[in-house]
Amino acid sequence: MAKIDAYRVAPQEGDLPFTPYIYLWLSEYSEENGEICLSPNLTTDREIDEVVDRLIKQLETARKKAKRELNTIFL
């Protein structure tokens, strides 16, 4: 099962200066035939709805985290 998260990139001590940024990424995923899979095999409408709802929830959580991280960079 895929997991979505937010990640902050900012200069560390000794780095050349650059504008910090946030990106959303798949922190966990599986692969099948070289393809990144966001879900297990889905065989029913209910399974599809549950996986899509879970991904939406993860995206909303990642959005909040990304905004919090962004605010810590520029405050």
PDB file of N, CA and C in Angstrom:
ATOM      1  N   MET A   1       0.836  -1.180   0.000  1.00  0.00           N
ATOM      2  CA  MET A   1       0.000   0.000   0.000  1.00  0.00           C
ATOM      3  C   MET A   1       0.883   1.245   0.000  1.00  0.00           C
ATOM      4  N   ALA A   2       0.481   2.239  -0.711  1.00  0.00           N
ATOM      5  CA  ALA A   2       1.240   3.479  -0.816  1.00  0.00           C
ATOM      6  C   ALA A   2       0.984   4.370   0.387  1.00  0.00           C
ATOM      7  N   LYS A   3       2.005   5.148   0.725  1.00  0.00           N
ATOM      8  CA  LYS A   3       1.869   6.180   1.746  1.00  0.00           C
ATOM      9  C   LYS A   3       2.394   7.479   1.167  1.00  0.00           C
ATOM     10  N   ILE A   4       1.656   8.552   1.402  1.00  0.00           N
ATOM     11  CA  ILE A   4       1.997   9.868   0.875  1.00  0.00           C
ATOM     12  C   ILE A   4       2.426  10.740   2.049  1.00  0.00           C
ATOM     13  N   ASP A   5       3.502  11.504   1.850  1.00  0.00           N
ATOM     14  CA  ASP A   5       4.008  12.354   2.917  1.00  0.00           C
ATOM     15  C   ASP A   5       4.556  13.646   2.322  1.00  0.00           C
ATOM     16  N   ALA A   6       4.875  14.589   3.191  1.00  0.00           N
ATOM     17  CA  ALA A   6       5.500  15.853   2.783  1.00  0.00           C
ATOM     18  C   ALA A   6       6.920  15.863   3.333  1.00  0.00           C
ATOM     19  N   TYR A   7       7.831  16.450   2.581  1.00  0.00           N
ATOM     20  CA  TYR A   7       9.235  16.470   2.965  1.00  0.00           C
ATOM     21  C   TYR A   7       9.811  17.853   2.718  1.00  0.00           C
ATOM     22  N   ARG A   8      10.540  18.375   3.706  1.00  0.00           N
ATOM     23  CA  ARG A   8      11.144  19.706   3.592  1.00  0.00           C
ATOM     24  C   ARG A   8      12.622  19.568   3.239  1.00  0.00           C
ATOM     25  N   VAL A   9      13.053  20.392   2.304  1.00  0.00           N
ATOM     26  CA  VAL A   9      14.461  20.454   1.916  1.00  0.00           C
ATOM     27  C   VAL A   9      14.931  21.877   2.170  1.00  0.00           C
ATOM     28  N   ALA A  10      15.967  22.022   2.992  1.00  0.00           N
ATOM     29  CA  ALA A  10      16.507  23.336   3.324  1.00  0.00           C
ATOM     30  C   ALA A  10      18.022  23.205   3.448  1.00  0.00           C
ATOM     31  N   PRO A  11      18.739  24.302   3.249  1.00  0.00           N
ATOM     32  CA  PRO A  11      20.184  24.240   3.365  1.00  0.00           C
ATOM     33  C   PRO A  11      20.610  23.799   4.774  1.00  0.00           C
ATOM     34  N   GLN A  12      21.605  22.966   4.824  1.00  0.00           N
ATOM     35  CA  GLN A  12      22.192  22.537   6.086  1.00  0.00           C
ATOM     36  C   GLN A  12      23.507  23.292   6.285  1.00  0.00           C
ATOM     37  N   GLU A  13      24.031  23.202   7.467  1.00  0.00           N
ATOM     38  CA  GLU A  13      25.299  23.877   7.751  1.00  0.00           C
ATOM     39  C   GLU A  13      26.364  23.425   6.745  1.00  0.00           C
ATOM     40  N   GLY A  14      27.022  24.398   6.144  1.00  0.00           N
ATOM     41  CA  GLY A  14      28.061  24.103   5.154  1.00  0.00           C
ATOM     42  C   GLY A  14      27.550  24.054   3.724  1.00  0.00           C
ATOM     43  N   ASP A  15      26.225  24.032   3.524  1.00  0.00           N
ATOM     44  CA  ASP A  15      25.647  24.022   2.173  1.00  0.00           C
ATOM     45  C   ASP A  15      25.686  25.428   1.580  1.00  0.00           C
ATOM     46  N   LEU A  16      25.718  25.497   0.276  1.00  0.00           N
ATOM     47  CA  LEU A  16      25.497  26.772  -0.392  1.00  0.00           C
ATOM     48  C   LEU A  16      24.051  27.177  -0.167  1.00  0.00           C
ATOM     49  N   PRO A  17      23.778  28.471  -0.055  1.00  0.00           N
ATOM     50  CA  PRO A  17      22.392  28.897   0.179  1.00  0.00           C
ATOM     51  C   PRO A  17      21.474  28.554  -0.998  1.00  0.00           C
ATOM     52  N   PHE A  18      20.254  28.183  -0.689  1.00  0.00           N
ATOM     53  CA  PHE A  18      19.205  28.002  -1.693  1.00  0.00           C
ATOM     54  C   PHE A  18      17.867  28.188  -1.005  1.00  0.00           C
ATOM     55  N   THR A  19      16.857  28.447  -1.784  1.00  0.00           N
ATOM     56  CA  THR A  19      15.520  28.641  -1.234  1.00  0.00           C
ATOM     57  C   THR A  19      14.967  27.293  -0.779  1.00  0.00           C
ATOM     58  N   PRO A  20      14.622  27.167   0.489  1.00  0.00           N
ATOM     59  CA  PRO A  20      14.033  25.913   0.967  1.00  0.00           C
ATOM     60  C   PRO A  20      12.720  25.627   0.245  1.00  0.00           C
ATOM     61  N   TYR A  21      12.362  24.357   0.186  1.00  0.00           N
ATOM     62  CA  TYR A  21      11.120  23.969  -0.479  1.00  0.00           C
ATOM     63  C   TYR A  21      10.562  22.705   0.145  1.00  0.00           C
ATOM     64  N   ILE A  22       9.329  22.445  -0.190  1.00  0.00           N
ATOM     65  CA  ILE A  22       8.596  21.271   0.277  1.00  0.00           C
ATOM     66  C   ILE A  22       8.201  20.457  -0.950  1.00  0.00           C
ATOM     67  N   TYR A  23       8.237  19.150  -0.826  1.00  0.00           N
ATOM     68  CA  TYR A  23       7.631  18.345  -1.882  1.00  0.00           C
ATOM     69  C   TYR A  23       6.840  17.200  -1.286  1.00  0.00           C
ATOM     70  N   LEU A  24       5.847  16.766  -2.024  1.00  0.00           N
ATOM     71  CA  LEU A  24       5.042  15.610  -1.642  1.00  0.00           C
ATOM     72  C   LEU A  24       5.645  14.397  -2.324  1.00  0.00           C
ATOM     73  N   TRP A  25       5.688  13.282  -1.598  1.00  0.00           N
ATOM     74  CA  TRP A  25       6.321  12.095  -2.167  1.00  0.00           C
ATOM     75  C   TRP A  25       5.640  10.831  -1.661  1.00  0.00           C
ATOM     76  N   LEU A  26       5.880   9.756  -2.376  1.00  0.00           N
ATOM     77  CA  LEU A  26       5.405   8.447  -1.941  1.00  0.00           C
ATOM     78  C   LEU A  26       6.457   7.889  -0.996  1.00  0.00           C
ATOM     79  N   SER A  27       6.164   7.906   0.298  1.00  0.00           N
ATOM     80  CA  SER A  27       7.135   7.415   1.269  1.00  0.00           C
ATOM     81  C   SER A  27       7.161   5.891   1.320  1.00  0.00           C
ATOM     82  N   GLU A  28       6.090   5.268   0.870  1.00  0.00           N
ATOM     83  CA  GLU A  28       6.032   3.807   0.746  1.00  0.00           C
ATOM     84  C   GLU A  28       5.188   3.459  -0.474  1.00  0.00           C
ATOM     85  N   TYR A  29       5.592   2.427  -1.178  1.00  0.00           N
ATOM     86  CA  TYR A  29       4.822   1.952  -2.318  1.00  0.00           C
ATOM     87  C   TYR A  29       5.283   0.550  -2.676  1.00  0.00           C
ATOM     88  N   SER A  30       4.496  -0.110  -3.484  1.00  0.00           N
ATOM     89  CA  SER A  30       4.894  -1.416  -4.002  1.00  0.00           C
ATOM     90  C   SER A  30       4.990  -1.305  -5.518  1.00  0.00           C
ATOM     91  N   GLU A  31       5.642  -2.275  -6.105  1.00  0.00           N
ATOM     92  CA  GLU A  31       5.792  -2.302  -7.560  1.00  0.00           C
ATOM     93  C   GLU A  31       5.318  -3.641  -8.108  1.00  0.00           C
ATOM     94  N   GLU A  32       4.767  -3.562  -9.295  1.00  0.00           N
ATOM     95  CA  GLU A  32       4.385  -4.778 -10.018  1.00  0.00           C
ATOM     96  C   GLU A  32       4.674  -4.544 -11.488  1.00  0.00           C
ATOM     97  N   ASN A  33       5.435  -5.414 -12.080  1.00  0.00           N
ATOM     98  CA  ASN A  33       5.832  -5.301 -13.487  1.00  0.00           C
ATOM     99  C   ASN A  33       6.477  -3.948 -13.789  1.00  0.00           C
ATOM    100  N   GLY A  34       7.264  -3.439 -12.836  1.00  0.00           N
ATOM    101  CA  GLY A  34       7.946  -2.172 -13.029  1.00  0.00           C
ATOM    102  C   GLY A  34       7.085  -0.944 -12.833  1.00  0.00           C
ATOM    103  N   GLU A  35       5.827  -1.109 -12.447  1.00  0.00           N
ATOM    104  CA  GLU A  35       4.906   0.006 -12.226  1.00  0.00           C
ATOM    105  C   GLU A  35       4.759   0.261 -10.733  1.00  0.00           C
ATOM    106  N   ILE A  36       4.689   1.525 -10.348  1.00  0.00           N
ATOM    107  CA  ILE A  36       4.426   1.877  -8.955  1.00  0.00           C
ATOM    108  C   ILE A  36       2.936   1.695  -8.694  1.00  0.00           C
ATOM    109  N   CYS A  37       2.614   0.938  -7.659  1.00  0.00           N
ATOM    110  CA  CYS A  37       1.214   0.652  -7.325  1.00  0.00           C
ATOM    111  C   CYS A  37       0.790   1.478  -6.114  1.00  0.00           C
ATOM    112  N   LEU A  38      -0.353   2.105  -6.211  1.00  0.00           N
ATOM    113  CA  LEU A  38      -0.901   2.867  -5.101  1.00  0.00           C
ATOM    114  C   LEU A  38      -1.886   2.052  -4.278  1.00  0.00           C
ATOM    115  N   SER A  39      -2.197   0.857  -4.721  1.00  0.00           N
ATOM    116  CA  SER A  39      -3.165   0.026  -4.017  1.00  0.00           C
ATOM    117  C   SER A  39      -2.838  -1.442  -4.265  1.00  0.00           C
ATOM    118  N   PRO A  40      -3.449  -2.306  -3.459  1.00  0.00           N
ATOM    119  CA  PRO A  40      -3.405  -3.728  -3.793  1.00  0.00           C
ATOM    120  C   PRO A  40      -4.366  -3.994  -4.949  1.00  0.00           C
ATOM    121  N   ASN A  41      -4.493  -5.231  -5.341  1.00  0.00           N
ATOM    122  CA  ASN A  41      -5.471  -5.588  -6.374  1.00  0.00           C
ATOM    123  C   ASN A  41      -6.869  -5.238  -5.860  1.00  0.00           C
ATOM    124  N   LEU A  42      -7.632  -4.539  -6.676  1.00  0.00           N
ATOM    125  CA  LEU A  42      -8.987  -4.123  -6.290  1.00  0.00           C
ATOM    126  C   LEU A  42      -9.991  -4.877  -7.143  1.00  0.00           C
ATOM    127  N   THR A  43     -10.958  -5.495  -6.489  1.00  0.00           N
ATOM    128  CA  THR A  43     -11.918  -6.323  -7.229  1.00  0.00           C
ATOM    129  C   THR A  43     -13.375  -5.924  -7.022  1.00  0.00           C
ATOM    130  N   THR A  44     -13.611  -4.934  -6.152  1.00  0.00           N
ATOM    131  CA  THR A  44     -14.994  -4.513  -5.914  1.00  0.00           C
ATOM    132  C   THR A  44     -15.078  -2.988  -5.870  1.00  0.00           C
ATOM    133  N   ASP A  45     -16.274  -2.464  -6.069  1.00  0.00           N
ATOM    134  CA  ASP A  45     -16.497  -1.020  -5.944  1.00  0.00           C
ATOM    135  C   ASP A  45     -16.095  -0.535  -4.551  1.00  0.00           C
ATOM    136  N   ARG A  46     -16.448  -1.310  -3.548  1.00  0.00           N
ATOM    137  CA  ARG A  46     -16.146  -0.924  -2.163  1.00  0.00           C
ATOM    138  C   ARG A  46     -14.642  -0.813  -1.943  1.00  0.00           C
ATOM    139  N   GLU A  47     -13.876  -1.768  -2.443  1.00  0.00           N
ATOM    140  CA  GLU A  47     -12.411  -1.703  -2.298  1.00  0.00           C
ATOM    141  C   GLU A  47     -11.848  -0.458  -2.965  1.00  0.00           C
ATOM    142  N   ILE A  48     -12.351  -0.155  -4.141  1.00  0.00           N
ATOM    143  CA  ILE A  48     -11.897   1.048  -4.853  1.00  0.00           C
ATOM    144  C   ILE A  48     -12.209   2.285  -4.023  1.00  0.00           C
ATOM    145  N   ASP A  49     -13.431   2.393  -3.525  1.00  0.00           N
ATOM    146  CA  ASP A  49     -13.818   3.544  -2.713  1.00  0.00           C
ATOM    147  C   ASP A  49     -12.946   3.669  -1.463  1.00  0.00           C
ATOM    148  N   GLU A  50     -12.685   2.558  -0.801  1.00  0.00           N
ATOM    149  CA  GLU A  50     -11.882   2.593   0.423  1.00  0.00           C
ATOM    150  C   GLU A  50     -10.454   3.059   0.147  1.00  0.00           C
ATOM    151  N   VAL A  51      -9.856   2.565  -0.918  1.00  0.00           N
ATOM    152  CA  VAL A  51      -8.486   2.960  -1.244  1.00  0.00           C
ATOM    153  C   VAL A  51      -8.432   4.425  -1.654  1.00  0.00           C
ATOM    154  N   VAL A  52      -9.353   4.859  -2.488  1.00  0.00           N
ATOM    155  CA  VAL A  52      -9.363   6.265  -2.920  1.00  0.00           C
ATOM    156  C   VAL A  52      -9.605   7.177  -1.713  1.00  0.00           C
ATOM    157  N   ASP A  53     -10.518   6.804  -0.835  1.00  0.00           N
ATOM    158  CA  ASP A  53     -10.765   7.602   0.376  1.00  0.00           C
ATOM    159  C   ASP A  53      -9.502   7.680   1.241  1.00  0.00           C
ATOM    160  N   ARG A  54      -8.784   6.564   1.373  1.00  0.00           N
ATOM    161  CA  ARG A  54      -7.561   6.544   2.166  1.00  0.00           C
ATOM    162  C   ARG A  54      -6.493   7.439   1.544  1.00  0.00           C
ATOM    163  N   LEU A  55      -6.364   7.386   0.223  1.00  0.00           N
ATOM    164  CA  LEU A  55      -5.384   8.241  -0.459  1.00  0.00           C
ATOM    165  C   LEU A  55      -5.743   9.716  -0.322  1.00  0.00           C
ATOM    166  N   ILE A  56      -7.011  10.043  -0.424  1.00  0.00           N
ATOM    167  CA  ILE A  56      -7.451  11.430  -0.247  1.00  0.00           C
ATOM    168  C   ILE A  56      -7.117  11.894   1.174  1.00  0.00           C
ATOM    169  N   LYS A  57      -7.373  11.058   2.163  1.00  0.00           N
ATOM    170  CA  LYS A  57      -7.068  11.408   3.548  1.00  0.00           C
ATOM    171  C   LYS A  57      -5.562  11.642   3.718  1.00  0.00           C
ATOM    172  N   GLN A  58      -4.750  10.784   3.109  1.00  0.00           N
ATOM    173  CA  GLN A  58      -3.309  10.957   3.191  1.00  0.00           C
ATOM    174  C   GLN A  58      -2.861  12.254   2.518  1.00  0.00           C
ATOM    175  N   LEU A  59      -3.456  12.572   1.388  1.00  0.00           N
ATOM    176  CA  LEU A  59      -3.119  13.824   0.706  1.00  0.00           C
ATOM    177  C   LEU A  59      -3.493  15.036   1.559  1.00  0.00           C
ATOM    178  N   GLU A  60      -4.649  14.994   2.206  1.00  0.00           N
ATOM    179  CA  GLU A  60      -5.057  16.097   3.073  1.00  0.00           C
ATOM    180  C   GLU A  60      -4.096  16.235   4.252  1.00  0.00           C
ATOM    181  N   THR A  61      -3.676  15.127   4.815  1.00  0.00           N
ATOM    182  CA  THR A  61      -2.705  15.152   5.913  1.00  0.00           C
ATOM    183  C   THR A  61      -1.369  15.703   5.430  1.00  0.00           C
ATOM    184  N   ALA A  62      -0.935  15.273   4.253  1.00  0.00           N
ATOM    185  CA  ALA A  62       0.321  15.771   3.688  1.00  0.00           C
ATOM    186  C   ALA A  62       0.226  17.263   3.381  1.00  0.00           C
ATOM    187  N   ARG A  63      -0.928  17.723   2.932  1.00  0.00           N
ATOM    188  CA  ARG A  63      -1.122  19.152   2.670  1.00  0.00           C
ATOM    189  C   ARG A  63      -0.900  19.958   3.948  1.00  0.00           C
ATOM    190  N   LYS A  64      -1.528  19.507   5.050  1.00  0.00           N
ATOM    191  CA  LYS A  64      -1.391  20.204   6.326  1.00  0.00           C
ATOM    192  C   LYS A  64       0.056  20.200   6.804  1.00  0.00           C
ATOM    193  N   LYS A  65       0.711  19.055   6.692  1.00  0.00           N
ATOM    194  CA  LYS A  65       2.112  18.954   7.108  1.00  0.00           C
ATOM    195  C   LYS A  65       2.990  19.867   6.265  1.00  0.00           C
ATOM    196  N   ALA A  66       2.760  19.867   4.953  1.00  0.00           N
ATOM    197  CA  ALA A  66       3.564  20.700   4.051  1.00  0.00           C
ATOM    198  C   ALA A  66       3.406  22.178   4.407  1.00  0.00           C
ATOM    199  N   LYS A  67       2.206  22.607   4.706  1.00  0.00           N
ATOM    200  CA  LYS A  67       1.977  24.003   5.071  1.00  0.00           C
ATOM    201  C   LYS A  67       2.645  24.340   6.400  1.00  0.00           C
ATOM    202  N   ARG A  68       2.582  23.418   7.369  1.00  0.00           N
ATOM    203  CA  ARG A  68       3.267  23.634   8.642  1.00  0.00           C
ATOM    204  C   ARG A  68       4.772  23.761   8.423  1.00  0.00           C
ATOM    205  N   GLU A  69       5.331  22.858   7.623  1.00  0.00           N
ATOM    206  CA  GLU A  69       6.765  22.888   7.334  1.00  0.00           C
ATOM    207  C   GLU A  69       7.146  24.175   6.621  1.00  0.00           C
ATOM    208  N   LEU A  70       6.332  24.582   5.663  1.00  0.00           N
ATOM    209  CA  LEU A  70       6.608  25.811   4.919  1.00  0.00           C
ATOM    210  C   LEU A  70       6.610  27.012   5.862  1.00  0.00           C
ATOM    211  N   ASN A  71       5.667  27.038   6.789  1.00  0.00           N
ATOM    212  CA  ASN A  71       5.607  28.143   7.739  1.00  0.00           C
ATOM    213  C   ASN A  71       6.823  28.164   8.656  1.00  0.00           C
ATOM    214  N   THR A  72       7.392  27.010   8.988  1.00  0.00           N
ATOM    215  CA  THR A  72       8.592  27.007   9.834  1.00  0.00           C
ATOM    216  C   THR A  72       9.809  27.517   9.068  1.00  0.00           C
ATOM    217  N   ILE A  73       9.806  27.371   7.750  1.00  0.00           N
ATOM    218  CA  ILE A  73      10.926  27.836   6.935  1.00  0.00           C
ATOM    219  C   ILE A  73      10.932  29.353   6.863  1.00  0.00           C
ATOM    220  N   PHE A  74       9.774  29.947   6.630  1.00  0.00           N
ATOM    221  CA  PHE A  74       9.709  31.370   6.314  1.00  0.00           C
ATOM    222  C   PHE A  74       9.260  32.241   7.478  1.00  0.00           C
ATOM    223  N   LEU A  75       9.182  31.689   8.675  1.00  0.00           N
ATOM    224  CA  LEU A  75       8.840  32.527   9.838  1.00  0.00           C
ATOM    225  C   LEU A  75      10.077  32.976  10.559  1.00  0.00           C
TER     226      LEU A  75
END
